[in-house]
Amino acid sequence: TGDKKEDKKADEKKRDMSKVKCYNCKREGHFAKDCKKAKVKDYEYYKTKMLLAKKDKDE
């Protein structure tokens, strides 16, 4: 009974890698953690964060 649960988990880990999308480079075939490209930070988030920090500094 315990072996079947382990087999099921192993099957879940084996994904169809052609359908997997990387959130880092937006290409298919791998996960973001496996991405060879340098990590892309959320540009909009940092832009607003910097603008708010600058605004606080000016006041």
Protein backbone atom coordinates (compact mmCIF):
# COMPACT_ATOMS: atom_id res chain seq x y z
CA THR A 1 0.00 0.00 0.00
CA GLY A 2 2.87 2.42 0.78
CA ASP A 3 4.58 1.67 -2.54
CA LYS A 4 1.62 2.92 -4.58
CA LYS A 5 1.76 6.36 -2.95
CA GLU A 6 5.46 6.64 -3.76
CA ASP A 7 4.83 5.61 -7.37
CA LYS A 8 2.11 8.25 -7.69
CA LYS A 9 4.46 10.97 -6.40
CA ALA A 10 7.14 9.88 -8.86
CA ASP A 11 4.64 10.13 -11.73
CA GLU A 12 3.64 13.66 -10.67
CA LYS A 13 7.27 14.77 -10.74
CA LYS A 14 7.68 13.54 -14.32
CA ARG A 15 6.07 16.45 -16.15
CA ASP A 16 5.67 16.98 -19.85
CA MET A 17 8.54 19.44 -20.13
CA SER A 18 7.34 20.71 -23.51
CA LYS A 19 4.34 22.30 -21.79
CA VAL A 20 6.31 23.82 -18.89
CA LYS A 21 6.96 27.58 -19.10
CA CYS A 22 9.86 29.43 -17.52
CA TYR A 23 8.78 32.55 -15.62
CA ASN A 24 12.26 34.03 -15.96
CA CYS A 25 12.84 34.09 -19.73
CA LYS A 26 9.24 33.25 -20.78
CA ARG A 27 10.38 30.32 -22.93
CA GLU A 28 9.00 26.79 -22.77
CA GLY A 29 10.77 23.58 -21.90
CA HIS A 30 12.22 24.31 -18.46
CA PHE A 31 11.43 25.81 -15.07
CA ALA A 32 12.70 29.19 -13.85
CA LYS A 33 14.92 27.42 -11.29
CA ASP A 34 16.63 25.59 -14.18
CA CYS A 35 16.94 28.72 -16.32
CA LYS A 36 20.42 29.52 -17.64
CA LYS A 37 19.58 33.20 -18.21
CA ALA A 38 20.34 35.73 -15.47
CA LYS A 39 17.37 36.20 -13.17
CA VAL A 40 15.00 38.92 -14.33
CA LYS A 41 13.62 40.96 -11.46
CA ASP A 42 10.15 42.46 -11.61
CA TYR A 43 10.98 45.78 -13.29
CA GLU A 44 7.70 47.56 -12.48
CA TYR A 45 7.93 46.62 -8.80
CA TYR A 46 11.45 48.00 -8.43
CA LYS A 47 10.62 51.12 -10.44
CA THR A 48 7.74 52.05 -8.13
CA LYS A 49 9.80 51.14 -5.07
CA MET A 50 12.62 53.45 -6.17
CA LEU A 51 10.20 56.29 -6.98
CA LEU A 52 8.63 55.99 -3.52
CA ALA A 53 12.04 55.94 -1.85
CA LYS A 54 13.10 59.01 -3.82
CA LYS A 55 9.87 60.80 -2.88
CA ASP A 56 10.45 60.06 0.84
CA LYS A 57 14.03 61.29 0.57
CA ASP A 58 12.96 64.58 -1.05
CA GLU A 59 10.45 65.39 1.71
